Structure formats: C-alpha cells, structure tokens
Protein backbone atom coordinates (compact mmCIF):
# COMPACT_ATOMS: atom_id res chain seq x y z
CA UNK A 1 -9.39 -1.36 10.77
CA UNK A 2 -10.21 -5.03 10.11
CA UNK A 3 -11.05 -7.74 12.59
CA UNK A 4 -12.43 -11.14 11.61
CA UNK A 5 -13.20 -14.19 13.70
CA UNK A 6 -13.92 -17.58 12.16
CA UNK A 7 -14.82 -15.98 8.84
CA UNK A 8 -16.15 -18.70 6.56
CA UNK A 9 -17.67 -18.91 3.10
CA UNK A 10 -19.02 -22.06 1.47
CA UNK A 11 -20.31 -22.48 -2.08
CA UNK A 12 -22.48 -25.23 -3.50
CA UNK A 13 -21.27 -26.38 -6.90
CA UNK A 14 -22.99 -29.33 -8.59
CA UNK A 15 -24.50 -30.37 -5.24
CA UNK A 16 -21.03 -30.38 -3.66
CA UNK A 17 -20.06 -28.03 -0.83
CA UNK A 18 -16.83 -26.19 -1.52
CA UNK A 19 -15.11 -24.45 1.42
CA UNK A 20 -13.59 -21.33 -0.18
CA UNK A 21 -12.68 -19.67 3.15
CA UNK A 22 -12.45 -21.70 6.35
CA UNK A 23 -12.43 -20.07 9.78
CA UNK A 24 -10.22 -17.12 8.86
CA UNK A 25 -8.98 -14.90 11.72
CA UNK A 26 -7.41 -11.66 10.52
CA UNK A 27 -6.50 -8.42 12.30
CA UNK A 28 -5.27 -5.37 10.37
CA UNK A 29 -4.25 -2.24 12.27
CA UNK A 30 -4.67 1.36 11.13
CA UNK A 31 -2.05 2.36 8.56
CA UNK A 32 -0.86 -1.18 7.80
CA UNK A 33 -0.25 -2.47 4.28
CA UNK A 34 -1.05 -6.18 4.24
CA UNK A 35 -0.69 -8.51 1.26
CA UNK A 36 -2.77 -11.68 0.98
CA UNK A 37 -0.61 -14.13 -0.92
CA UNK A 38 -1.61 -17.48 -2.34
CA UNK A 39 -2.49 -19.33 -5.55
CA UNK A 40 -5.75 -18.96 -7.43
CA UNK A 41 -8.48 -20.73 -5.51
CA UNK A 42 -6.82 -20.13 -2.14
CA UNK A 43 -9.67 -17.88 -0.93
CA UNK A 44 -8.04 -14.45 -1.30
CA UNK A 45 -10.66 -12.83 -3.53
CA UNK A 46 -13.52 -14.47 -1.62
CA UNK A 47 -12.13 -12.97 1.58
CA UNK A 48 -11.95 -9.51 0.03
CA UNK A 49 -15.48 -9.79 -1.33
CA UNK A 50 -16.79 -10.60 2.15
CA UNK A 51 -14.84 -7.73 3.72
CA UNK A 52 -16.20 -5.30 1.11
CA UNK A 53 -19.83 -6.53 1.63
CA UNK A 54 -20.12 -8.09 -1.84
CA UNK A 55 -20.57 -11.57 -0.35
CA UNK A 56 -22.28 -12.54 2.89
CA UNK A 57 -20.25 -14.85 5.13
CA UNK A 58 -21.56 -18.36 5.68
CA UNK A 59 -20.31 -18.16 9.27
CA UNK A 60 -18.09 -16.05 11.49
CA UNK A 61 -17.90 -12.29 11.93
CA UNK A 62 -16.04 -9.39 10.36
CA UNK A 63 -15.71 -5.73 11.30
CA UNK A 64 -14.31 -3.27 8.76
CA UNK A 65 -13.52 0.34 9.72
CA UNK A 66 -15.49 -0.26 12.94
CA UNK A 67 -18.65 -1.55 11.21
CA UNK A 68 -20.06 -5.07 10.98
CA UNK A 69 -20.09 -6.18 7.33
CA UNK A 70 -23.41 -7.97 7.72
CA UNK A 71 -25.29 -5.62 10.06
CA UNK A 72 -24.13 -2.31 8.56
CA UNK A 73 -22.80 -2.82 5.01
CA UNK A 74 -23.63 0.75 3.96
CA UNK A 75 -21.29 2.22 6.60
CA UNK A 76 -18.55 -0.17 5.50
CA UNK A 77 -18.89 0.88 1.87
CA UNK A 78 -18.72 4.58 2.71
CA UNK A 79 -15.35 4.08 4.46
CA UNK A 80 -13.53 1.95 1.90
CA UNK A 81 -12.22 1.92 -1.63
CA UNK A 82 -12.26 -1.28 -3.67
CA UNK A 83 -10.37 -2.13 -6.83
CA UNK A 84 -11.75 -5.47 -7.96
CA UNK A 85 -10.60 -7.86 -10.66
CA UNK A 86 -13.34 -6.92 -13.14
CA UNK A 87 -13.94 -3.68 -15.04
CA UNK A 88 -16.00 -1.30 -12.90
CA UNK A 89 -16.63 1.61 -15.26
CA UNK A 90 -19.77 2.17 -17.36
CA UNK A 91 -18.99 1.31 -20.98
CA UNK A 92 -20.81 4.32 -22.46
CA UNK A 93 -19.24 6.87 -20.07
CA UNK A 94 -16.24 9.02 -20.92
CA UNK A 95 -13.22 8.38 -18.72
CA UNK A 96 -13.16 11.87 -17.22
CA UNK A 97 -16.92 11.85 -16.59
CA UNK A 98 -16.76 8.43 -14.93
CA UNK A 99 -14.13 9.67 -12.49
CA UNK A 100 -16.20 12.80 -11.75
CA UNK A 101 -19.28 10.65 -11.11
CA UNK A 102 -17.35 8.30 -8.85
CA UNK A 103 -16.04 11.21 -6.79
CA UNK A 104 -19.49 12.75 -6.46
CA UNK A 105 -20.94 9.37 -5.41
CA UNK A 106 -18.51 9.42 -2.49
CA UNK A 107 -19.69 12.89 -1.41
CA UNK A 108 -16.96 15.05 -2.98
CA UNK A 109 -18.08 18.44 -4.29
CA UNK A 110 -17.81 19.07 -8.04
CA UNK A 111 -14.60 21.11 -7.87
CA UNK A 112 -12.82 18.58 -5.63
CA UNK A 113 -13.92 15.70 -7.87
CA UNK A 114 -12.61 17.48 -10.98
CA UNK A 115 -9.28 18.30 -9.31
CA UNK A 116 -8.76 14.78 -8.01
CA UNK A 117 -9.76 13.26 -11.37
CA UNK A 118 -7.20 15.45 -13.15
CA UNK A 119 -4.48 14.32 -10.71
CA UNK A 120 -5.21 10.65 -11.30
CA UNK A 121 -5.54 11.06 -15.06
CA UNK A 122 -2.06 12.55 -15.12
CA UNK A 123 -0.34 10.14 -12.76
CA UNK A 124 -1.87 6.98 -14.28
CA UNK A 125 -1.11 8.09 -17.86
CA UNK A 126 -4.77 8.48 -18.88
CA UNK A 127 -4.49 11.88 -20.61
CA UNK A 128 -4.53 10.57 -24.18
CA UNK A 129 -7.96 8.97 -23.78
CA UNK A 130 -9.55 10.94 -20.93
CA UNK A 131 -12.36 12.08 -23.27
CA UNK A 132 -12.94 8.71 -24.91
CA UNK A 133 -15.75 6.33 -23.94
CA UNK A 134 -14.78 3.41 -21.76
CA UNK A 135 -15.86 0.80 -24.34
CA UNK A 136 -13.13 2.04 -26.72
CA UNK A 137 -10.28 1.42 -24.24
CA UNK A 138 -7.86 -1.50 -24.25
CA UNK A 139 -7.75 -3.94 -21.35
CA UNK A 140 -4.71 -2.27 -19.78
CA UNK A 141 -6.27 1.19 -20.14
CA UNK A 142 -9.47 0.00 -18.44
CA UNK A 143 -7.40 -1.45 -15.61
CA UNK A 144 -5.77 1.92 -15.01
CA UNK A 145 -9.22 3.55 -14.98
CA UNK A 146 -10.42 1.01 -12.38
CA UNK A 147 -7.45 1.92 -10.22
CA UNK A 148 -8.20 5.65 -10.56
CA UNK A 149 -11.84 5.03 -9.57
CA UNK A 150 -10.76 3.18 -6.43
CA UNK A 151 -8.39 5.99 -5.45
CA UNK A 152 -10.65 8.94 -6.33
CA UNK A 153 -11.86 9.65 -2.78
CA UNK A 154 -8.54 8.83 -1.02
CA UNK A 155 -10.28 6.26 1.25
CA UNK A 156 -9.03 5.49 4.76
CA UNK A 157 -9.09 1.79 3.90
CA UNK A 158 -8.35 0.54 0.39
CA UNK A 159 -8.80 -3.01 -0.92
CA UNK A 160 -6.91 -3.98 -4.08
CA UNK A 161 -7.69 -7.34 -5.67
CA UNK A 162 -4.89 -8.23 -8.11
CA UNK A 163 -4.44 -4.51 -8.98
CA UNK A 164 -1.43 -4.99 -11.27
CA UNK A 165 -2.93 -7.65 -13.50
CA UNK A 166 -2.87 -6.44 -17.11
CA UNK A 167 -0.55 -3.50 -16.44
CA UNK A 168 2.77 -3.03 -18.20
CA UNK A 169 5.90 -2.62 -16.04
CA UNK A 170 5.81 1.19 -16.20
CA UNK A 171 2.20 1.47 -15.01
CA UNK A 172 2.83 -1.22 -12.41
CA UNK A 173 5.60 1.01 -11.06
CA UNK A 174 3.23 4.02 -11.18
CA UNK A 175 0.66 2.09 -9.15
CA UNK A 176 3.30 1.13 -6.58
CA UNK A 177 4.26 4.80 -6.27
CA UNK A 178 0.58 5.73 -5.70
CA UNK A 179 0.33 3.12 -2.98
CA UNK A 180 3.40 4.47 -1.21
CA UNK A 181 2.20 8.08 -1.54
CA UNK A 182 -1.25 7.28 -0.12
CA UNK A 183 0.35 5.72 2.92
CA UNK A 184 2.89 8.53 3.38
CA UNK A 185 0.46 11.43 2.90
CA UNK A 186 -2.80 10.02 4.27
CA UNK A 187 -1.89 6.99 6.39
CA UNK A 188 -4.22 4.88 4.27
CA UNK A 189 -4.67 1.28 5.41
CA UNK A 190 -4.38 -1.16 2.50
CA UNK A 191 -5.09 -4.81 1.89
CA UNK A 192 -4.07 -6.26 -1.46
CA UNK A 193 -4.07 -9.64 -3.11
CA UNK A 194 -1.42 -10.39 -5.68
CA UNK A 195 0.26 -13.09 -7.72
CA UNK A 196 3.33 -10.91 -8.13
CA UNK A 197 5.68 -12.12 -5.42
CA UNK A 198 8.03 -9.17 -5.89
CA UNK A 199 5.12 -6.76 -5.47
CA UNK A 200 4.15 -8.27 -2.12
CA UNK A 201 7.79 -8.34 -1.02
CA UNK A 202 8.49 -4.71 -1.92
CA UNK A 203 5.21 -3.07 -0.85
CA UNK A 204 3.77 -5.00 2.07
CA UNK A 205 4.98 -4.74 5.66
CA UNK A 206 2.98 -7.87 6.44
CA UNK A 207 2.31 -10.90 4.26
CA UNK A 208 -0.56 -13.26 5.08
CA UNK A 209 -0.09 -16.57 3.25
CA UNK A 210 -3.40 -18.29 2.47
CA UNK A 211 -3.87 -21.81 1.14
CA UNK A 212 -7.10 -23.77 0.81
CA UNK A 213 -9.04 -21.04 2.60
CA UNK A 214 -6.84 -20.94 5.69
CA UNK A 215 -4.07 -18.66 6.95
CA UNK A 216 -0.89 -20.74 7.11
CA UNK A 217 1.61 -17.95 7.87
CA UNK A 218 1.48 -14.26 8.84
CA UNK A 219 4.54 -12.05 9.35
CA UNK A 220 6.84 -9.54 7.68
CA UNK A 221 8.40 -10.71 4.40
CA UNK A 222 11.86 -10.85 5.93
CA UNK A 223 10.76 -12.88 8.96
CA UNK A 224 8.84 -15.30 6.76
CA UNK A 225 11.86 -15.84 4.56
CA UNK A 226 14.11 -16.31 7.57
CA UNK A 227 11.71 -18.74 9.28
CA UNK A 228 10.58 -20.83 6.30
CA UNK A 229 13.25 -20.52 3.61
CA UNK A 230 16.89 -19.43 3.94
CA UNK A 231 19.61 -18.55 1.45
CA UNK A 232 20.27 -20.98 -1.38
CA UNK A 233 23.86 -21.88 -2.34
CA UNK A 234 24.25 -23.79 -5.61
CA UNK A 235 27.59 -25.56 -6.13
CA UNK A 236 28.50 -27.19 -9.43
CA UNK A 237 31.31 -29.70 -9.89
CA UNK A 238 32.95 -31.50 -12.77
CA UNK A 239 32.23 -34.93 -11.29
CA UNK A 240 29.39 -36.50 -9.29
CA UNK A 241 31.84 -37.84 -6.71
CA UNK A 242 33.05 -34.30 -5.96
CA UNK A 243 29.46 -33.15 -5.32
CA UNK A 244 28.94 -36.09 -2.93
CA UNK A 245 32.14 -35.27 -1.03
CA UNK A 246 31.06 -31.60 -0.86
CA UNK A 247 27.74 -32.64 0.69
CA UNK A 248 29.59 -34.46 3.47
CA UNK A 249 31.72 -31.35 4.03
CA UNK A 250 28.64 -29.07 4.18
CA UNK A 251 26.87 -31.24 6.74
CA UNK A 252 30.04 -31.22 8.85
CA UNK A 253 30.34 -27.42 9.11
CA UNK A 254 26.78 -26.09 8.65
CA UNK A 255 24.37 -27.17 11.37
CA UNK A 256 20.78 -27.24 10.11
CA UNK A 257 21.65 -27.05 6.40
CA UNK A 258 19.23 -28.71 3.97
CA UNK A 259 20.99 -30.26 0.97
CA UNK A 260 19.78 -31.52 -2.39
CA UNK A 261 22.26 -33.53 -4.48
CA UNK A 262 21.53 -34.01 -8.19
CA UNK A 263 24.40 -35.46 -10.17
CA UNK A 264 27.28 -32.99 -10.10
CA UNK A 265 25.15 -30.19 -8.60
CA UNK A 266 24.65 -29.60 -4.89
CA UNK A 267 22.07 -27.16 -3.51
CA UNK A 268 22.32 -25.99 0.09
CA UNK A 269 19.57 -24.09 1.93
CA UNK A 270 20.47 -22.34 5.15
CA UNK A 271 19.58 -19.14 6.99
CA UNK A 272 22.68 -16.98 6.71
CA UNK A 273 23.95 -18.94 3.74
CA UNK A 274 25.47 -15.84 2.14
CA UNK A 275 27.81 -15.51 5.13
CA UNK A 276 28.53 -19.25 5.10
CA UNK A 277 29.58 -19.42 1.43
CA UNK A 278 33.19 -18.14 1.86
CA UNK A 279 33.79 -20.53 4.78
CA UNK A 280 32.35 -23.40 2.77
CA UNK A 281 34.54 -22.67 -0.26
CA UNK A 282 37.66 -22.53 1.93
CA UNK A 283 36.75 -25.87 3.52
CA UNK A 284 36.24 -27.50 0.11
CA UNK A 285 39.56 -26.12 -1.09
CA UNK A 286 41.30 -27.49 2.03
CA UNK A 287 39.85 -30.97 1.36
CA UNK A 288 40.88 -30.79 -2.33
CA UNK A 289 37.32 -30.75 -3.71
CA UNK A 290 37.43 -28.49 -6.80
CA UNK A 291 34.32 -26.29 -7.31
CA UNK A 292 33.48 -25.48 -10.93
CA UNK A 293 30.89 -22.76 -10.17
CA UNK A 294 29.02 -21.25 -7.21
CA UNK A 295 25.85 -19.17 -6.96
CA UNK A 296 24.24 -17.63 -3.86
CA UNK A 297 20.55 -16.58 -4.02
CA UNK A 298 18.51 -14.83 -1.35
CA UNK A 299 15.19 -16.53 -0.47
CA UNK A 300 11.93 -15.39 -2.05
CA UNK A 301 8.31 -15.57 -0.92
CA UNK A 302 7.88 -18.39 -3.44
CA UNK A 303 10.49 -20.32 -1.44
CA UNK A 304 8.39 -19.67 1.68
CA UNK A 305 5.22 -21.01 0.04
CA UNK A 306 7.09 -23.98 -1.41
CA UNK A 307 8.46 -24.96 2.01
CA UNK A 308 5.06 -24.50 3.68
CA UNK A 309 2.99 -26.41 1.10
CA UNK A 310 5.34 -28.33 -1.17
CA UNK A 311 4.03 -26.33 -4.14
CA UNK A 312 5.30 -23.29 -6.04
CA UNK A 313 3.20 -20.13 -6.30
CA UNK A 314 4.82 -19.29 -9.63
CA UNK A 315 3.71 -22.59 -11.12
CA UNK A 316 0.12 -22.19 -9.90
CA UNK A 317 -0.36 -18.53 -10.77
CA UNK A 318 -2.62 -18.75 -13.84
CA UNK A 319 -5.50 -21.16 -13.20
CA UNK A 320 -8.23 -18.60 -12.42
CA UNK A 321 -10.18 -21.27 -10.54
CA UNK A 322 -11.40 -19.10 -7.67
CA UNK A 323 -13.11 -16.52 -9.90
CA UNK A 324 -14.78 -19.28 -11.94
CA UNK A 325 -16.04 -20.89 -8.73
CA UNK A 326 -17.64 -17.67 -7.53
CA UNK A 327 -19.31 -17.02 -10.90
CA UNK A 328 -20.70 -20.57 -10.93
CA UNK A 329 -22.00 -20.16 -7.41
C-alpha cells in the first residue's frame, strides 16, 4: 500500500536549509496498522503530508495505493482518507451537512452518505450538535468531526495525524474502537502519528521510530521493547552501602544487566527482569543485604526511544516545532 525510497523534504527558513525528512525508506503492506512515533519536529507530519500529496518531495519517490504521489496525486487522493492536525470542516456548514458533502465528494450516493453520516454521528457522540454550525463547536467537538470526515467513505488506506489530540479519554477510546472495527470489518490499512505512547503500543502492530527525519527503528512494539529496553527492577535500601553491595550481587548473577546506583536506590534493566526478581531477592537475602522495597516495571516505548536517542519522548511531547516549521516554509 505504501512504498517509499529515499523520500526527502527540505525547507528553507531564514536562508537556512532544514532537512525535515532525510532519505526515508518505508514499506507498508495491505491491512497493516503502522504507527510513526517520535517527538515534534522528527518529520512525522511532513512524511504524512508528502504521502497524502499535500507536499511535494524534494527528492526520492513514493507510491501510495499503487500510484505515484507526484505523477498521479488525484488517484492517490481518491484511494485514501486523511485526518490531519487542523480543522477540516467549513465553519458555516452544519455538522450533518458537512458529513453528507464529504461522502458525496468521495462518490457515495445520497442515501449511503446519509446512512454513514448517521453511524458516525452516533458512534463519535456527535448527536447533540449534529445540526449546529461548525463554528459553534468546541475544539474537542471539531476534532471528533474531523475524524468522522476522514472515516466517512471507509477508505482502503487511512492516514491519521495525531488523531487523539484534544479528545477526552472516553472519545479517545471510541476512536480506538473505530480503528479496530475498520481493520476487522474492512481490512483497512492505517498509518498514524501519535504522541500517546500507550496508543501506539495498544493499536499498532508495527512501530516506526523517527528522529531527525530518519527511521531509527522499525518492528513490533514487543520486539522493540525486548531489543532496546528490558524490564526495570527498582530496589530501595535503608543505607547506601546496602545498595552498593546489591549492585555487586546483581552483576554476579545477571549477565547483561544495566545498573544505575543513586544513593540507597538501585535500578536494574534487563530483558526478562520480571523472572529474575525472585532469584535476585533470594540472593540478597542469602548475603544478608536487607531490601526495604522492590518494584518491577515492564518496558515502555518511551524506554525504547530513550535508549535509542538518550532523550525521552514524554519530555519532548509539546513543542509543536514541526508544524510551525511547515507554516513558516
């Protein structure tokens, strides 16, 4: 459904060349759900805008749904749905009418457009303001309308750029259910960008980690966590000397463990750490090292990004730099 080779996009900002996407190679098969994960400014939205024909690549090639994005953008647009970061509805249109118009624009007959609009209005909790004009809606209500517009024609390939931003937890869960249903009932291929690590972990069967315009990792969430993170065991002691003795014990029984000693707290990272914890506690007890508290945490995708780049996605999640760059360009 998607095949890119050397896909590149440069911007000129204040006479400086900024490489937003640099030589990106990406293959997405039919029916896959792929999440592009990375901080603001990593190149995720720029990549989606090139794949949806909204930006021309500076270099490289991209085929979407069997069509070249540069040579045949009209064919690409007819095959895809796109939920962007901005509000896509006309401000003077009523919600129900905007959904009807969107369906008709994609070639649905009037009856099918009305039926599909009613389904989405119900499932995305739009009933209370379906006959209000778009300009009177709140930000969260407009976001739900944008989602409904992207889903109206049940596209074979759907792009979602930060789809959950601005949604409350209930409507975020509703969106996740829609995503799962589209895949189960229609085999829809989906590519989404997100800052919500849990969303990528729960929904995507493949996570492509992007940083500074390049792909730095690409695999299932579980394989990424196994390869680049590992379980985290946190041991707390009453005295610094006990934590130091515990570190020596850990390194003696856990090959490949990564330890971080801070005062009376010892953190241990290791694949399979959850299974190691009982053995480790028995060994510490045998060597008369008293443990005050223990905590075992499974790795997250933020741990993966941290180990790959030395930075945390959670700490970088709110800069908005990429969107500002594109507007300036």
